[in-house]
Amino acid sequence: MKPHDQGQVHETALLEDGVRLGEGTRVWDNVHLRRNARIGRSCIIGEKTYVAYDVKIGDYCKLNACVYVCAEVTIEDFVMIAAHTVFTNDVFPRSGNVALTGLETSDVTGETLHTNVRRGTTIGANATIGPGVELGAFSMIGMASVVTKDVPAHALMIGNPARQIGWVCTCGHRILRALDPSKPESGGEETCKHCSRVLRVAAGRASVVRDPHAQP
């Protein structure tokens, strides 16, 4: 590993002009960070991961091996992205341009959609994230899921296309197990047995109502 800004970079990684790393961030072998990508502090960017130009990644994020982050993706703090996750940003992808006189541009255009990965989200291995969606804070996407629409905060999603089967706590443990998994919009309040946070579900939304770990 060698120093870069305030982070550490493996000698085989490729960092283009304008890339910025936060303090304590580690970039592992054969990673490719495109121009002007911004990585926050204390992150891990796993081997063979690709991060497109101008992408912004927050603090305390973990991207495992072979993650593909395309342009127009924003990743907030404390996000976990497991190996071989793929992001997409184009609803109408073609190789050729409209006139079929050459290649279509790979730059961002008016048809490129923006994806937001909110604070604390976890994305399981081999998941695919469709263009233009928002993954709500502390949501959890099951491995190999295909996300095609917005995901509520704290929602637990699985399948292709991904469907909601329940809710998870801030710590990642499942809550409200007694509820009918086919009706995630049903309500209730429960204390997480792992971290003692109290979550309330109402009108298809989940939120933390008591947090013993909150800073004073």
Protein backbone atom coordinates (compact mmCIF):
# COMPACT_ATOMS: atom_id res chain seq x y z
CA MET A 1 0.00 0.00 0.00
CA LYS A 2 1.16 3.54 -0.71
CA PRO A 3 -0.14 6.89 0.56
CA HIS A 4 -2.56 9.00 -1.50
CA ASP A 5 -4.13 12.15 -0.02
CA GLN A 6 -4.96 10.85 3.45
CA GLY A 7 -5.67 7.23 2.40
CA GLN A 8 -3.72 4.13 1.41
CA VAL A 9 -3.70 2.73 -2.13
CA HIS A 10 -2.47 -0.64 -3.44
CA GLU A 11 0.27 -0.33 -6.05
CA THR A 12 -1.90 -2.02 -8.72
CA ALA A 13 -4.89 0.33 -8.27
CA LEU A 14 -5.61 2.94 -10.95
CA LEU A 15 -6.67 6.38 -9.75
CA GLU A 16 -7.44 8.99 -12.39
CA ASP A 17 -6.98 12.76 -12.06
CA GLY A 18 -8.99 14.51 -9.40
CA VAL A 19 -9.74 11.46 -7.23
CA ARG A 20 -9.94 12.37 -3.55
CA LEU A 21 -9.68 9.96 -0.62
CA GLY A 22 -10.63 10.66 2.97
CA GLU A 23 -8.44 9.97 5.96
CA GLY A 24 -7.94 6.29 6.68
CA THR A 25 -9.52 5.01 3.45
CA ARG A 26 -7.92 1.93 1.89
CA VAL A 27 -8.06 1.10 -1.82
CA TRP A 28 -7.13 -2.49 -2.66
CA ASP A 29 -5.60 -4.22 -5.68
CA ASN A 30 -6.75 -3.56 -9.23
CA VAL A 31 -9.39 -1.01 -8.19
CA HIS A 32 -10.21 1.62 -10.84
CA LEU A 33 -11.39 5.02 -9.60
CA ARG A 34 -12.38 7.35 -12.44
CA ARG A 35 -11.74 11.07 -12.57
CA ASN A 36 -13.06 13.26 -9.77
CA ALA A 37 -14.49 10.37 -7.76
CA ARG A 38 -14.81 11.31 -4.09
CA ILE A 39 -14.38 8.71 -1.36
CA GLY A 40 -14.96 9.66 2.29
CA ARG A 41 -12.92 8.76 5.34
CA SER A 42 -12.32 5.29 6.78
CA CYS A 43 -13.73 3.45 3.73
CA ILE A 44 -12.64 0.15 2.22
CA ILE A 45 -12.71 -0.22 -1.58
CA GLY A 46 -12.26 -3.92 -2.34
CA GLU A 47 -10.19 -5.50 -5.09
CA LYS A 48 -11.23 -5.08 -8.74
CA THR A 49 -13.99 -2.60 -7.87
CA TYR A 50 -14.84 0.11 -10.42
CA VAL A 51 -16.11 3.56 -9.43
CA ALA A 52 -17.15 5.87 -12.27
CA TYR A 53 -16.29 9.53 -12.72
CA ASP A 54 -17.76 12.11 -10.31
CA VAL A 55 -19.29 9.43 -8.06
CA LYS A 56 -19.50 10.47 -4.41
CA ILE A 57 -19.11 7.90 -1.61
CA GLY A 58 -19.55 8.89 2.03
CA ASP A 59 -17.66 7.99 5.19
CA TYR A 60 -17.30 4.52 6.75
CA CYS A 61 -18.41 2.62 3.63
CA LYS A 62 -17.37 -0.91 2.64
CA LEU A 63 -17.34 -1.92 -1.02
CA ASN A 64 -16.27 -5.55 -1.38
CA ALA A 65 -14.55 -7.14 -4.40
CA CYS A 66 -15.72 -6.52 -7.96
CA VAL A 67 -18.41 -3.91 -7.24
CA TYR A 68 -19.42 -1.84 -10.30
CA VAL A 69 -20.54 1.71 -9.50
CA CYS A 70 -21.60 3.59 -12.63
CA ALA A 71 -21.91 7.34 -13.12
CA GLU A 72 -24.73 9.22 -11.37
CA VAL A 73 -24.67 7.09 -8.21
CA THR A 74 -24.39 8.72 -4.78
CA ILE A 75 -23.57 6.56 -1.77
CA GLU A 76 -24.05 8.00 1.72
CA ASP A 77 -22.27 7.12 5.00
CA PHE A 78 -22.09 3.63 6.56
CA VAL A 79 -23.14 1.79 3.39
CA MET A 80 -22.13 -1.85 2.89
CA ILE A 81 -22.00 -3.15 -0.71
CA ALA A 82 -21.13 -6.83 -1.06
CA ALA A 83 -19.13 -8.49 -3.84
CA HIS A 84 -20.21 -8.34 -7.48
CA THR A 85 -22.99 -5.79 -6.95
CA VAL A 86 -23.79 -3.90 -10.16
CA PHE A 87 -25.38 -0.45 -10.51
CA THR A 88 -27.04 0.72 -13.74
CA ASN A 89 -28.08 4.18 -14.95
CA ASP A 90 -29.64 3.85 -18.43
CA VAL A 91 -33.21 2.80 -19.24
CA PHE A 92 -32.60 2.68 -23.01
CA PRO A 93 -29.11 1.20 -23.46
CA ARG A 94 -27.81 0.67 -26.98
CA SER A 95 -24.34 0.24 -28.41
CA GLY A 96 -24.97 2.40 -31.49
CA ASN A 97 -26.08 6.01 -31.72
CA VAL A 98 -29.50 7.02 -33.03
CA ALA A 99 -28.26 7.38 -36.63
CA LEU A 100 -26.31 4.11 -36.42
CA THR A 101 -23.18 5.88 -37.61
CA GLY A 102 -21.04 4.98 -34.61
CA LEU A 103 -21.00 4.21 -30.93
CA GLU A 104 -23.41 5.85 -28.53
CA THR A 105 -21.70 8.15 -26.05
CA SER A 106 -20.68 6.73 -22.69
CA ASP A 107 -20.96 10.16 -21.08
CA VAL A 108 -23.85 11.26 -18.89
CA THR A 109 -26.80 12.50 -20.98
CA GLY A 110 -30.32 13.75 -20.34
CA GLU A 111 -31.46 10.12 -20.21
CA THR A 112 -28.96 9.09 -17.51
CA LEU A 113 -30.81 8.49 -14.25
CA HIS A 114 -29.47 9.20 -10.75
CA THR A 115 -29.46 6.58 -7.97
CA ASN A 116 -29.21 7.38 -4.26
CA VAL A 117 -28.03 4.86 -1.68
CA ARG A 118 -29.02 6.32 1.66
CA ARG A 119 -27.18 6.10 4.97
CA GLY A 120 -26.65 2.68 6.47
CA THR A 121 -27.94 0.62 3.53
CA THR A 122 -26.65 -2.93 2.96
CA ILE A 123 -26.63 -4.51 -0.51
CA GLY A 124 -26.05 -8.27 -0.70
CA ALA A 125 -23.66 -10.07 -3.04
CA ASN A 126 -24.52 -10.27 -6.75
CA ALA A 127 -27.37 -7.76 -6.48
CA THR A 128 -28.31 -5.53 -9.41
CA ILE A 129 -29.58 -2.00 -8.75
CA GLY A 130 -31.74 -0.56 -11.53
CA PRO A 131 -31.43 3.04 -12.75
CA GLY A 132 -33.03 5.98 -11.00
CA VAL A 133 -33.97 4.34 -7.71
CA GLU A 134 -33.51 5.33 -4.08
CA LEU A 135 -32.51 2.79 -1.45
CA GLY A 136 -33.87 4.11 1.84
CA ALA A 137 -31.75 4.53 4.95
CA PHE A 138 -30.78 1.27 6.67
CA SER A 139 -32.60 -0.83 4.09
CA MET A 140 -31.23 -4.28 3.30
CA ILE A 141 -31.13 -5.79 -0.19
CA GLY A 142 -30.83 -9.59 -0.25
CA MET A 143 -28.12 -11.32 -2.27
CA ALA A 144 -28.82 -11.69 -6.01
CA SER A 145 -31.83 -9.36 -5.80
CA VAL A 146 -32.77 -7.08 -8.70
CA VAL A 147 -34.04 -3.70 -7.50
CA THR A 148 -36.31 -1.92 -9.99
CA LYS A 149 -38.12 0.62 -7.77
CA ASP A 150 -37.55 2.77 -4.70
CA VAL A 151 -36.98 0.97 -1.40
CA PRO A 152 -38.36 2.32 1.92
CA ALA A 153 -36.08 2.98 4.86
CA HIS A 154 -35.41 -0.16 6.94
CA ALA A 155 -37.08 -2.40 4.32
CA LEU A 156 -35.87 -5.96 3.77
CA MET A 157 -35.94 -6.81 0.05
CA ILE A 158 -35.35 -10.09 -1.80
CA GLY A 159 -35.90 -11.57 -5.25
CA ASN A 160 -36.14 -10.64 -8.94
CA PRO A 161 -37.75 -8.20 -9.11
CA ALA A 162 -37.04 -7.39 -5.47
CA ARG A 163 -40.07 -7.43 -3.16
CA GLN A 164 -40.34 -6.42 0.46
CA ILE A 165 -40.67 -9.23 3.00
CA GLY A 166 -40.25 -7.30 6.22
CA TRP A 167 -38.20 -4.73 8.11
CA VAL A 168 -34.72 -4.56 9.61
CA CYS A 169 -33.29 -2.57 12.49
CA THR A 170 -30.49 -0.03 12.18
CA CYS A 171 -28.14 -2.80 13.34
CA GLY A 172 -29.29 -5.09 10.50
CA HIS A 173 -31.30 -7.62 12.51
CA ARG A 174 -34.81 -8.43 11.39
CA ILE A 175 -37.71 -7.02 13.44
CA LEU A 176 -41.48 -7.51 13.57
CA ARG A 177 -41.17 -11.21 12.79
CA ALA A 178 -44.77 -11.86 13.82
CA LEU A 179 -46.19 -9.73 11.02
CA ASP A 180 -47.52 -11.31 7.84
CA PRO A 181 -44.50 -11.15 5.47
CA SER A 182 -46.86 -10.72 2.52
CA LYS A 183 -48.10 -7.45 4.05
CA PRO A 184 -45.04 -5.38 4.94
CA GLU A 185 -47.24 -2.28 5.13
CA SER A 186 -48.87 -3.57 8.32
CA GLY A 187 -47.89 -1.70 11.46
CA GLY A 188 -46.43 -2.29 14.87
CA GLU A 189 -43.70 -1.38 17.32
CA GLU A 190 -40.89 -3.61 18.50
CA THR A 191 -37.67 -3.48 20.48
CA CYS A 192 -34.70 -4.99 18.66
CA LYS A 193 -33.36 -7.89 20.69
CA HIS A 194 -29.84 -7.25 19.40
CA CYS A 195 -29.34 -3.51 20.02
CA SER A 196 -32.44 -2.41 22.03
CA ARG A 197 -33.53 0.23 19.55
CA VAL A 198 -37.31 0.64 19.26
CA LEU A 199 -38.76 0.82 15.74
CA ARG A 200 -42.28 1.72 14.75
CA VAL A 201 -43.93 0.77 11.45
CA ALA A 202 -46.91 2.82 10.31
CA ALA A 203 -48.45 3.48 6.89
CA GLY A 204 -45.78 1.44 5.15
CA ARG A 205 -42.86 3.30 6.71
CA ALA A 206 -40.44 2.38 9.48
CA SER A 207 -38.56 4.67 11.83
CA VAL A 208 -36.54 4.51 15.04
CA VAL A 209 -38.54 6.04 17.90
CA ARG A 210 -36.09 5.28 20.74
CA ASP A 211 -32.36 4.84 20.39
CA PRO A 212 -30.25 4.03 23.45
CA HIS A 213 -27.11 4.46 21.32
CA ALA A 214 -27.87 8.04 20.27
CA GLN A 215 -25.16 10.55 21.14
CA PRO A 216 -26.21 13.18 23.71
